[in-house]
Amino acid sequence: MTWTAGERYGIGPAPGGLALVQDLLNTVGAGRPRERDLLADLASADEWATAAMDAWSAGSGITVEPRGLAEDDVARLRDLRADLRSCMGASTASSREVLRTLTASVALHRDGRVVLAPRGEGWRPLATAILLEIAAAQQVDSWRRLKLCRNTRCAVAFFDRSKNCSGVWHDVRVCGNAVNLRASRARRGALANGRAADGDGAVVEP
């Protein structure tokens, strides 16, 4: 399966269907040099959504008929992305009212499995699949492991595989070292000017 948004940042996919959620989060423009926002226009959004749903369908075994996106669908996907990033601690505006119209069908298979399948048109099947995967991840306590990199100049989504769920950087060598270096420079500058700085490098006025 190919998760096109996350691959741009060298991010390994989250397990199972949670990779779909991670990929939506990683459609943002981030990194150095900054990658483009995959939801910035209809053409790139539709291309990403098609690839993401194909990857999700291949992993879940649930087929959703491709319907294509309209301009309004792209705006709603951006709202959903902002909602999720806000829930995860990013400083973005939230528009949770867009989530009220999502629906899914419930099917009983011959082998006894009960499957929830996304329904609707445009952005709705994709958004429904994303919320279903979040609900499933919450049931097995893996949702808390999907995080945003603490480096505010990055903020890409990564799955924390550390034993105690303590990871804060998508790549400690890239973002961790960069943030620590900025903090160290800020502390040295503050000391040179007779001021103090906290652990993150922010200047603390006397």
Protein backbone atom coordinates (compact mmCIF):
# COMPACT_ATOMS: atom_id res chain seq x y z
CA MET A 1 0.00 0.00 0.00
CA THR A 2 1.16 3.51 -0.80
CA TRP A 3 0.46 6.44 1.48
CA THR A 4 1.51 9.34 -0.68
CA ALA A 5 1.28 12.18 1.85
CA GLY A 6 3.43 10.60 4.53
CA GLU A 7 6.02 9.24 2.12
CA ARG A 8 7.05 12.81 1.29
CA TYR A 9 8.33 13.19 4.84
CA GLY A 10 9.92 9.77 5.13
CA ILE A 11 7.27 8.74 7.68
CA GLY A 12 6.52 5.08 8.25
CA PRO A 13 2.77 4.38 8.17
CA ALA A 14 0.76 3.78 11.32
CA PRO A 15 -0.51 0.19 11.67
CA GLY A 16 -3.67 -0.88 9.89
CA GLY A 17 -6.31 1.64 8.95
CA LEU A 18 -4.88 4.29 11.25
CA ALA A 19 -2.46 4.97 8.38
CA LEU A 20 -5.37 6.62 6.55
CA VAL A 21 -5.80 9.13 9.38
CA GLN A 22 -2.07 9.75 9.48
CA ASP A 23 -1.98 10.35 5.74
CA LEU A 24 -4.73 12.98 5.90
CA LEU A 25 -2.81 14.76 8.65
CA ASN A 26 0.31 14.67 6.49
CA THR A 27 -1.32 16.35 3.51
CA VAL A 28 -0.19 19.64 5.09
CA GLY A 29 2.71 21.56 3.64
CA ALA A 30 5.68 21.03 5.97
CA GLY A 31 9.36 20.15 6.05
CA ARG A 32 12.45 21.80 4.57
CA PRO A 33 12.16 22.57 1.73
CA ARG A 34 8.45 22.94 2.41
CA GLU A 35 6.29 20.41 0.61
CA ARG A 36 3.06 21.61 -0.96
CA ASP A 37 -0.32 21.25 0.72
CA LEU A 38 -2.02 18.34 -1.04
CA LEU A 39 -5.44 19.81 -0.22
CA ALA A 40 -4.61 23.23 -1.63
CA ASP A 41 -6.53 22.68 -4.88
CA LEU A 42 -9.06 20.29 -6.37
CA ALA A 43 -6.70 18.42 -8.69
CA SER A 44 -4.11 17.49 -6.07
CA ALA A 45 -6.79 16.80 -3.43
CA ASP A 46 -8.67 14.45 -5.74
CA GLU A 47 -5.45 12.65 -6.66
CA TRP A 48 -4.51 12.20 -3.01
CA ALA A 49 -8.02 11.12 -1.96
CA THR A 50 -8.21 8.49 -4.71
CA ALA A 51 -4.84 7.01 -3.75
CA ALA A 52 -5.67 7.11 -0.03
CA MET A 53 -9.02 5.36 -0.45
CA ASP A 54 -7.45 2.75 -2.74
CA ALA A 55 -4.81 2.02 -0.07
CA TRP A 56 -7.45 1.91 2.68
CA SER A 57 -9.72 -0.39 0.66
CA ALA A 58 -6.82 -2.74 -0.07
CA GLY A 59 -6.05 -3.03 3.63
CA SER A 60 -9.59 -3.15 4.99
CA GLY A 61 -11.24 -5.21 2.28
CA ILE A 62 -14.03 -2.62 2.08
CA THR A 63 -14.65 -1.24 -1.39
CA VAL A 64 -15.91 2.31 -1.77
CA GLU A 65 -16.97 3.40 -5.24
CA PRO A 66 -14.89 6.39 -6.38
CA ARG A 67 -17.07 9.44 -6.94
CA GLY A 68 -14.55 12.25 -7.24
CA LEU A 69 -14.37 15.48 -5.28
CA ALA A 70 -15.84 18.92 -5.87
CA GLU A 71 -14.40 22.23 -4.65
CA ASP A 72 -16.67 22.21 -1.61
CA ASP A 73 -15.52 18.69 -0.72
CA VAL A 74 -11.91 19.87 -0.63
CA ALA A 75 -12.80 22.67 1.78
CA ARG A 76 -14.56 20.18 4.05
CA LEU A 77 -11.55 17.85 4.02
CA ARG A 78 -9.36 20.78 5.05
CA ASP A 79 -11.82 21.47 7.88
CA LEU A 80 -11.65 17.84 8.98
CA ARG A 81 -7.86 17.95 8.92
CA ALA A 82 -7.94 21.12 11.03
CA ASP A 83 -10.35 19.45 13.47
CA LEU A 84 -8.07 16.48 13.95
CA ARG A 85 -4.93 18.56 14.31
CA SER A 86 -6.72 20.75 16.84
CA CYS A 87 -7.74 17.67 18.84
CA MET A 88 -4.11 16.56 18.78
CA GLY A 89 -2.86 19.86 20.15
CA ALA A 90 -2.05 21.90 17.05
CA SER A 91 -2.97 25.57 17.24
CA THR A 92 -5.52 25.60 14.41
CA ALA A 93 -9.13 26.63 14.20
CA SER A 94 -11.79 23.95 14.59
CA SER A 95 -14.97 23.49 12.52
CA ARG A 96 -16.53 20.39 14.06
CA GLU A 97 -19.96 21.05 12.60
CA VAL A 98 -18.79 19.46 9.33
CA LEU A 99 -18.72 16.06 11.04
CA ARG A 100 -22.45 15.84 11.69
CA THR A 101 -23.54 14.49 8.32
CA LEU A 102 -21.30 11.42 8.08
CA THR A 103 -22.93 7.99 7.80
CA ALA A 104 -21.93 4.35 7.50
CA SER A 105 -23.76 1.16 6.64
CA VAL A 106 -23.64 -1.96 8.80
CA ALA A 107 -23.34 -5.30 7.04
CA LEU A 108 -23.35 -8.86 8.41
CA HIS A 109 -21.08 -11.13 6.36
CA ARG A 110 -21.52 -14.87 5.92
CA ASP A 111 -18.52 -15.54 8.15
CA GLY A 112 -20.20 -13.66 11.00
CA ARG A 113 -18.18 -10.45 10.71
CA VAL A 114 -20.03 -7.18 11.16
CA VAL A 115 -18.51 -4.49 8.93
CA LEU A 116 -19.06 -0.76 8.96
CA ALA A 117 -18.71 0.71 5.48
CA PRO A 118 -18.59 4.43 4.59
CA ARG A 119 -21.54 5.89 2.73
CA GLY A 120 -22.27 9.13 0.93
CA GLU A 121 -20.78 11.17 -1.86
CA GLY A 122 -17.84 13.47 -2.33
CA TRP A 123 -15.76 13.93 0.80
CA ARG A 124 -18.08 11.92 3.07
CA PRO A 125 -16.89 8.31 2.42
CA LEU A 126 -13.28 9.32 3.04
CA ALA A 127 -14.13 11.30 6.16
CA THR A 128 -16.31 8.47 7.47
CA ALA A 129 -13.51 5.93 6.94
CA ILE A 130 -11.15 8.23 8.85
CA LEU A 131 -13.50 8.54 11.84
CA LEU A 132 -14.19 4.79 11.85
CA GLU A 133 -10.45 4.13 12.00
CA ILE A 134 -10.02 6.60 14.86
CA ALA A 135 -12.83 4.87 16.77
CA ALA A 136 -11.20 1.47 16.17
CA ALA A 137 -7.81 2.79 17.31
CA GLN A 138 -9.35 4.20 20.48
CA GLN A 139 -10.79 0.79 21.30
CA VAL A 140 -7.32 -0.79 21.30
CA ASP A 141 -5.58 2.26 22.84
CA SER A 142 -3.42 3.01 19.81
CA TRP A 143 -4.97 6.39 18.98
CA ARG A 144 -2.79 8.14 21.58
CA ARG A 145 0.28 6.93 19.70
CA LEU A 146 -0.56 8.98 16.63
CA LYS A 147 1.13 12.30 17.34
CA LEU A 148 2.22 15.55 15.74
CA CYS A 149 5.94 16.29 15.78
CA ARG A 150 6.64 18.80 18.58
CA ASN A 151 8.82 20.85 16.24
CA THR A 152 6.32 23.55 15.26
CA ARG A 153 8.21 24.12 12.00
CA CYS A 154 7.45 20.50 11.12
CA ALA A 155 4.34 19.15 12.89
CA VAL A 156 4.06 16.08 10.65
CA ALA A 157 2.06 13.16 12.02
CA PHE A 158 3.94 10.06 13.16
CA PHE A 159 3.09 6.86 14.98
CA ASP A 160 4.98 6.61 18.27
CA ARG A 161 6.32 3.07 18.57
CA SER A 162 8.30 3.71 21.74
CA LYS A 163 7.56 1.30 24.58
CA ASN A 164 6.30 4.00 26.97
CA CYS A 165 4.71 6.20 24.27
CA SER A 166 7.13 9.04 25.04
CA GLY A 167 8.13 10.08 21.54
CA VAL A 168 7.73 13.74 20.61
CA TRP A 169 9.72 14.07 17.35
CA HIS A 170 8.95 12.41 14.04
CA ASP A 171 12.74 12.08 13.70
CA VAL A 172 14.90 12.96 16.69
CA ARG A 173 17.96 13.47 14.47
CA VAL A 174 16.17 16.00 12.30
CA CYS A 175 13.62 17.79 14.46
CA GLY A 176 14.85 16.96 17.96
CA ASN A 177 18.35 18.22 17.29
CA ALA A 178 17.07 21.33 15.49
CA VAL A 179 14.74 22.31 18.35
CA ASN A 180 17.40 21.65 20.98
CA LEU A 181 19.88 23.77 19.02
CA ARG A 182 17.42 26.68 18.78
CA ALA A 183 16.69 26.42 22.50
CA SER A 184 20.40 26.40 23.32
CA ARG A 185 21.01 29.49 21.19
CA ALA A 186 18.07 31.27 22.82
CA ARG A 187 19.40 30.48 26.29
CA ARG A 188 22.85 31.75 25.42
CA GLY A 189 21.39 34.92 23.94
CA ALA A 190 19.19 35.49 26.96
CA LEU A 191 22.10 35.02 29.35
CA ALA A 192 24.18 37.43 27.32
CA ASN A 193 21.42 40.02 27.72
CA GLY A 194 20.99 39.35 31.42
CA ARG A 195 17.73 37.42 31.08
CA ALA A 196 16.75 33.81 31.72
CA ALA A 197 15.22 31.25 29.37
CA ASP A 198 13.07 28.25 30.10
CA GLY A 199 13.80 24.67 29.00
CA ASP A 200 12.34 25.26 25.55
CA GLY A 201 14.43 28.35 24.97
CA ALA A 202 11.67 30.89 25.56
CA VAL A 203 12.87 34.05 27.26
CA VAL A 204 11.56 34.55 30.79
CA GLU A 205 11.34 38.17 31.80
CA PRO A 206 12.58 38.98 35.31
